[in-house]
Amino acid sequence: MDTKNAVEVIKDKSAEIYTPGPMEMAQSFLSSGGDIASLEKMMELQEKYDSMQAKKAYTKAMAEFKKNPPVIFKDKQVGFKSKKPGAGSTNYKHATLGNVTKKINTALAEHGLSAAWPLDQTDKGIEVTCTITHEMGHSESTSLFAASDNTGNKNSIQAIGSTVSYLQRYTVLSLTGLATEDQDDDAISAGKPVQYLSEKQCVEIREMIKSIDGLTEEVFLKWAKKESIEAIPESDLERVKIALKARSGAV
């Protein structure tokens, strides 16, 4: 092969560099006079090196993930009367498992990461483990344990499903270091149920937005830092109305 042809081969991006596999390397080492003990030591060192590189890759990927983490809003309203006489009712909002996993897994995948939730059930309750794995093989896990959720008149299967869903949400949030918006109000804050805007109040806010030139619901929600008008606490209603009136010039 002349020099010109050699250069063309080097420049050819489709040309692949052959890399021998582990078995071929081992056979080559032994055939050249190496012994089994030395080969095992070399393989052990290689495994440690690969593990270290995989852990570095995982750490770097998680750091990149956290530079622009997904924003997760609570998207489901829950309300039920207690089974206990005189105990009243419970009303709160939470981020559904589908909402949490879809946004987190999509963001994780961009950095070569993925999440899985193996679980274990005993007579005492349910343990869910969230494991996040990098494409190079390194993984890290965290676990939470809880009894079946018998609130809200659930049957036995629903009680198990509710607990599994809850633990899956919070293990992945814990392992990624994320939180849902307004997470401190996930159930009952300071002993009081969190009330959100009623359907009538949501309609009122939407009508106010439509009446203001240049204002869209998307722009409004960005200002309010909410995913939807339904996610606005009722305690913020007057503040929101005042802000909208100020924007319209009515105050």
Protein backbone atom coordinates (compact mmCIF):
# COMPACT_ATOMS: atom_id res chain seq x y z
CA MET A 1 0.00 0.00 0.00
CA ASP A 2 1.44 3.38 -0.98
CA THR A 3 1.50 6.41 1.34
CA LYS A 4 -1.49 8.06 -0.31
CA ASN A 5 -3.69 5.01 0.08
CA ALA A 6 -2.56 4.56 3.68
CA VAL A 7 -3.59 8.13 4.51
CA GLU A 8 -6.99 7.56 2.89
CA VAL A 9 -7.53 4.46 5.01
CA ILE A 10 -6.69 6.40 8.18
CA LYS A 11 -9.13 9.15 7.20
CA ASP A 12 -11.89 6.66 6.42
CA LYS A 13 -14.31 7.11 9.33
CA SER A 14 -15.97 3.80 8.57
CA ALA A 15 -12.73 1.90 9.31
CA GLU A 16 -13.02 0.12 12.67
CA ILE A 17 -10.16 -0.57 15.08
CA TYR A 18 -10.24 -4.20 16.20
CA THR A 19 -10.13 -4.69 19.97
CA PRO A 20 -9.58 -8.23 21.24
CA GLY A 21 -12.03 -9.55 23.82
CA PRO A 22 -11.12 -10.65 27.36
CA MET A 23 -10.81 -14.34 26.43
CA GLU A 24 -8.50 -13.58 23.50
CA MET A 25 -6.34 -11.35 25.71
CA ALA A 26 -6.18 -14.04 28.38
CA GLN A 27 -5.20 -16.72 25.85
CA SER A 28 -2.58 -14.42 24.37
CA PHE A 29 -1.15 -13.71 27.84
CA LEU A 30 -0.97 -17.41 28.74
CA SER A 31 0.49 -18.45 25.39
CA SER A 32 3.26 -15.86 25.82
CA GLY A 33 4.35 -17.47 29.10
CA GLY A 34 2.10 -15.80 31.65
CA ASP A 35 0.74 -17.82 34.57
CA ILE A 36 -2.81 -18.16 35.92
CA ALA A 37 -2.05 -16.34 39.20
CA SER A 38 -0.71 -13.28 37.34
CA LEU A 39 -3.68 -13.35 34.97
CA GLU A 40 -6.15 -13.42 37.88
CA LYS A 41 -4.35 -10.48 39.50
CA MET A 42 -4.49 -8.51 36.26
CA MET A 43 -8.21 -9.25 35.88
CA GLU A 44 -8.86 -8.16 39.49
CA LEU A 45 -7.03 -4.89 38.90
CA GLN A 46 -8.96 -4.34 35.68
CA GLU A 47 -12.27 -4.93 37.46
CA LYS A 48 -11.37 -2.39 40.15
CA TYR A 49 -10.32 0.11 37.50
CA ASP A 50 -13.55 -0.39 35.52
CA SER A 51 -15.61 -0.06 38.70
CA MET A 52 -13.83 3.18 39.62
CA GLN A 53 -14.37 4.60 36.14
CA ALA A 54 -18.06 3.61 36.23
CA LYS A 55 -18.52 5.33 39.59
CA LYS A 56 -16.83 8.49 38.26
CA ALA A 57 -19.13 8.42 35.25
CA TYR A 58 -22.19 8.01 37.51
CA THR A 59 -21.12 10.92 39.73
CA LYS A 60 -20.50 13.15 36.72
CA ALA A 61 -23.84 12.19 35.14
CA MET A 62 -25.76 12.95 38.35
CA ALA A 63 -23.99 16.31 38.65
CA GLU A 64 -25.04 17.17 35.09
CA PHE A 65 -28.60 15.98 35.83
CA LYS A 66 -28.85 18.27 38.85
CA LYS A 67 -27.67 21.32 36.90
CA ASN A 68 -31.06 21.44 35.19
CA PRO A 69 -33.40 19.17 37.17
CA PRO A 70 -37.04 18.62 36.16
CA VAL A 71 -39.70 20.62 38.00
CA ILE A 72 -42.35 18.32 39.44
CA PHE A 73 -45.71 19.74 40.41
CA LYS A 74 -48.45 18.07 42.40
CA ASP A 75 -51.07 16.95 39.93
CA LYS A 76 -53.64 14.99 41.92
CA GLN A 77 -56.17 16.12 44.52
CA VAL A 78 -57.09 13.56 47.21
CA GLY A 79 -60.05 13.86 49.55
CA PHE A 80 -61.85 11.35 51.74
CA LYS A 81 -63.81 11.05 54.96
CA SER A 82 -62.23 9.18 57.82
CA LYS A 83 -63.63 5.80 58.90
CA LYS A 84 -63.38 6.95 62.52
CA PRO A 85 -66.51 8.71 63.83
CA GLY A 86 -65.96 12.43 64.36
CA ALA A 87 -62.50 12.38 62.75
CA GLY A 88 -63.59 14.61 59.87
CA SER A 89 -62.08 14.43 56.39
CA THR A 90 -58.67 14.64 54.75
CA ASN A 91 -57.87 16.78 51.74
CA TYR A 92 -54.46 17.17 50.12
CA LYS A 93 -52.62 17.23 46.83
CA HIS A 94 -49.66 15.11 45.72
CA ALA A 95 -47.51 14.35 42.70
CA THR A 96 -48.62 11.09 41.09
CA LEU A 97 -46.09 8.32 40.44
CA GLY A 98 -46.60 8.69 36.70
CA ASN A 99 -45.85 12.41 36.87
CA VAL A 100 -42.73 11.88 39.00
CA THR A 101 -41.26 8.93 37.08
CA LYS A 102 -41.99 10.31 33.61
CA LYS A 103 -40.22 13.59 34.26
CA ILE A 104 -37.33 12.15 36.28
CA ASN A 105 -36.68 9.16 33.99
CA THR A 106 -36.76 11.38 30.91
CA ALA A 107 -34.21 13.72 32.48
CA LEU A 108 -32.06 10.85 33.79
CA ALA A 109 -31.98 9.15 30.37
CA GLU A 110 -30.38 12.25 28.87
CA HIS A 111 -27.34 11.50 31.05
CA GLY A 112 -27.19 7.74 30.60
CA LEU A 113 -29.07 6.99 33.83
CA SER A 114 -32.17 4.92 34.57
CA ALA A 115 -34.26 4.10 37.65
CA ALA A 116 -35.86 0.84 38.82
CA TRP A 117 -37.84 -0.12 41.94
CA PRO A 118 -37.43 -3.68 43.26
CA LEU A 119 -39.68 -4.30 46.27
CA ASP A 120 -40.06 -6.76 49.11
CA GLN A 121 -43.27 -7.49 51.03
CA THR A 122 -43.40 -9.05 54.50
CA ASP A 123 -46.05 -9.47 57.20
CA LYS A 124 -44.91 -6.16 58.71
CA GLY A 125 -45.16 -4.09 55.56
CA ILE A 126 -43.56 -3.20 52.25
CA GLU A 127 -40.00 -2.16 51.46
CA VAL A 128 -39.33 -0.40 48.16
CA THR A 129 -35.81 0.23 46.91
CA CYS A 130 -35.04 2.76 44.21
CA THR A 131 -31.91 1.92 42.22
CA ILE A 132 -30.43 4.36 39.72
CA THR A 133 -27.95 2.80 37.30
CA HIS A 134 -25.53 4.43 34.89
CA GLU A 135 -24.98 2.91 31.45
CA MET A 136 -21.41 2.01 32.49
CA GLY A 137 -22.79 -0.22 35.24
CA HIS A 138 -22.43 1.71 38.50
CA SER A 139 -25.62 1.99 40.56
CA GLU A 140 -26.74 3.49 43.85
CA SER A 141 -29.84 2.72 45.91
CA THR A 142 -32.02 3.94 48.74
CA SER A 143 -34.91 2.15 50.50
CA LEU A 144 -38.04 3.08 52.43
CA PHE A 145 -40.35 0.84 54.46
CA ALA A 146 -44.01 1.33 55.36
CA ALA A 147 -47.15 -0.59 56.27
CA SER A 148 -50.07 -0.90 53.83
CA ASP A 149 -52.04 2.33 53.48
CA ASN A 150 -55.52 1.51 54.82
CA THR A 151 -56.80 5.11 54.76
CA GLY A 152 -59.62 6.29 52.52
CA ASN A 153 -61.71 3.11 52.55
CA LYS A 154 -59.25 1.19 50.33
CA ASN A 155 -59.46 -2.57 49.86
CA SER A 156 -56.37 -4.70 50.62
CA ILE A 157 -54.96 -4.57 47.08
CA GLN A 158 -55.49 -0.82 46.81
CA ALA A 159 -53.82 -0.36 50.21
CA ILE A 160 -50.71 -2.20 49.00
CA GLY A 161 -50.68 -0.32 45.70
CA SER A 162 -50.98 3.03 47.46
CA THR A 163 -48.01 2.27 49.71
CA VAL A 164 -45.87 0.99 46.83
CA SER A 165 -46.67 4.09 44.77
CA TYR A 166 -45.89 6.41 47.69
CA LEU A 167 -42.57 4.69 48.44
CA GLN A 168 -41.57 4.65 44.77
CA ARG A 169 -42.17 8.40 44.49
CA TYR A 170 -40.21 9.32 47.58
CA THR A 171 -37.29 6.95 47.09
CA VAL A 172 -36.54 8.37 43.64
CA LEU A 173 -37.02 11.92 44.90
CA SER A 174 -34.64 11.17 47.77
CA LEU A 175 -32.00 9.49 45.61
CA THR A 176 -32.00 12.30 43.03
CA GLY A 177 -32.17 15.04 45.64
CA LEU A 178 -35.35 16.49 44.12
CA ALA A 179 -38.60 17.67 45.68
CA THR A 180 -42.07 18.38 44.38
CA GLU A 181 -43.18 22.01 44.37
CA ASP A 182 -44.75 22.90 47.76
CA GLN A 183 -43.70 19.47 49.06
CA ASP A 184 -43.96 20.64 52.66
CA ASP A 185 -47.75 20.74 52.14
CA ASP A 186 -47.88 17.15 50.81
CA ALA A 187 -50.53 16.13 53.28
CA ILE A 188 -51.45 18.33 56.20
CA SER A 189 -49.40 21.38 57.08
CA ALA A 190 -49.47 22.52 60.70
CA GLY A 191 -52.35 20.14 61.32
CA LYS A 192 -54.67 21.74 58.74
CA PRO A 193 -55.72 20.30 55.37
CA VAL A 194 -54.48 22.24 52.36
CA GLN A 195 -57.39 23.58 50.31
CA TYR A 196 -56.97 24.38 46.62
CA LEU A 197 -59.05 26.56 44.33
CA SER A 198 -62.53 25.27 43.61
CA GLU A 199 -63.74 24.75 40.06
CA LYS A 200 -65.68 28.05 40.28
CA GLN A 201 -62.61 29.93 41.52
CA CYS A 202 -60.46 28.46 38.73
CA VAL A 203 -62.99 29.68 36.17
CA GLU A 204 -62.92 33.13 37.77
CA ILE A 205 -59.11 33.32 37.54
CA ARG A 206 -59.12 32.16 33.91
CA GLU A 207 -61.70 34.82 33.02
CA MET A 208 -59.57 37.49 34.66
CA ILE A 209 -56.51 36.33 32.68
CA LYS A 210 -58.46 36.40 29.39
CA SER A 211 -59.61 39.95 30.07
CA ILE A 212 -56.05 41.29 30.31
CA ASP A 213 -54.39 42.24 27.03
CA GLY A 214 -51.07 40.50 26.42
CA LEU A 215 -51.49 38.06 29.31
CA THR A 216 -51.76 34.32 28.71
CA GLU A 217 -52.37 31.47 31.13
CA GLU A 218 -48.86 30.19 30.42
CA VAL A 219 -47.29 33.53 31.38
CA PHE A 220 -49.47 33.74 34.46
CA LEU A 221 -48.52 30.24 35.64
CA LYS A 222 -44.85 31.02 35.16
CA TRP A 223 -45.29 34.05 37.43
CA ALA A 224 -47.28 32.02 39.97
CA LYS A 225 -44.75 29.16 39.80
CA LYS A 226 -47.53 26.61 39.39
CA GLU A 227 -48.18 23.89 36.84
CA SER A 228 -51.88 24.64 36.65
CA ILE A 229 -54.46 27.02 38.09
CA GLU A 230 -55.92 24.07 40.00
CA ALA A 231 -52.60 23.81 41.89
CA ILE A 232 -53.03 27.25 43.49
CA PRO A 233 -53.85 27.06 47.23
CA GLU A 234 -57.09 28.78 48.19
CA SER A 235 -55.11 30.86 50.69
CA ASP A 236 -53.37 32.54 47.72
CA LEU A 237 -56.61 33.49 45.95
CA GLU A 238 -56.79 37.10 47.13
CA ARG A 239 -53.10 37.70 46.44
CA VAL A 240 -53.52 36.34 42.92
CA LYS A 241 -56.65 38.43 42.26
CA ILE A 242 -54.93 41.59 43.49
CA ALA A 243 -51.96 40.91 41.23
CA LEU A 244 -54.24 40.36 38.22
CA LYS A 245 -56.22 43.53 38.95
CA ALA A 246 -52.98 45.46 39.20
CA ARG A 247 -51.91 44.09 35.83
CA SER A 248 -55.20 45.16 34.28
CA GLY A 249 -54.96 48.63 35.81
CA ALA A 250 -58.10 48.14 37.90
CA VAL A 251 -56.27 49.04 41.15
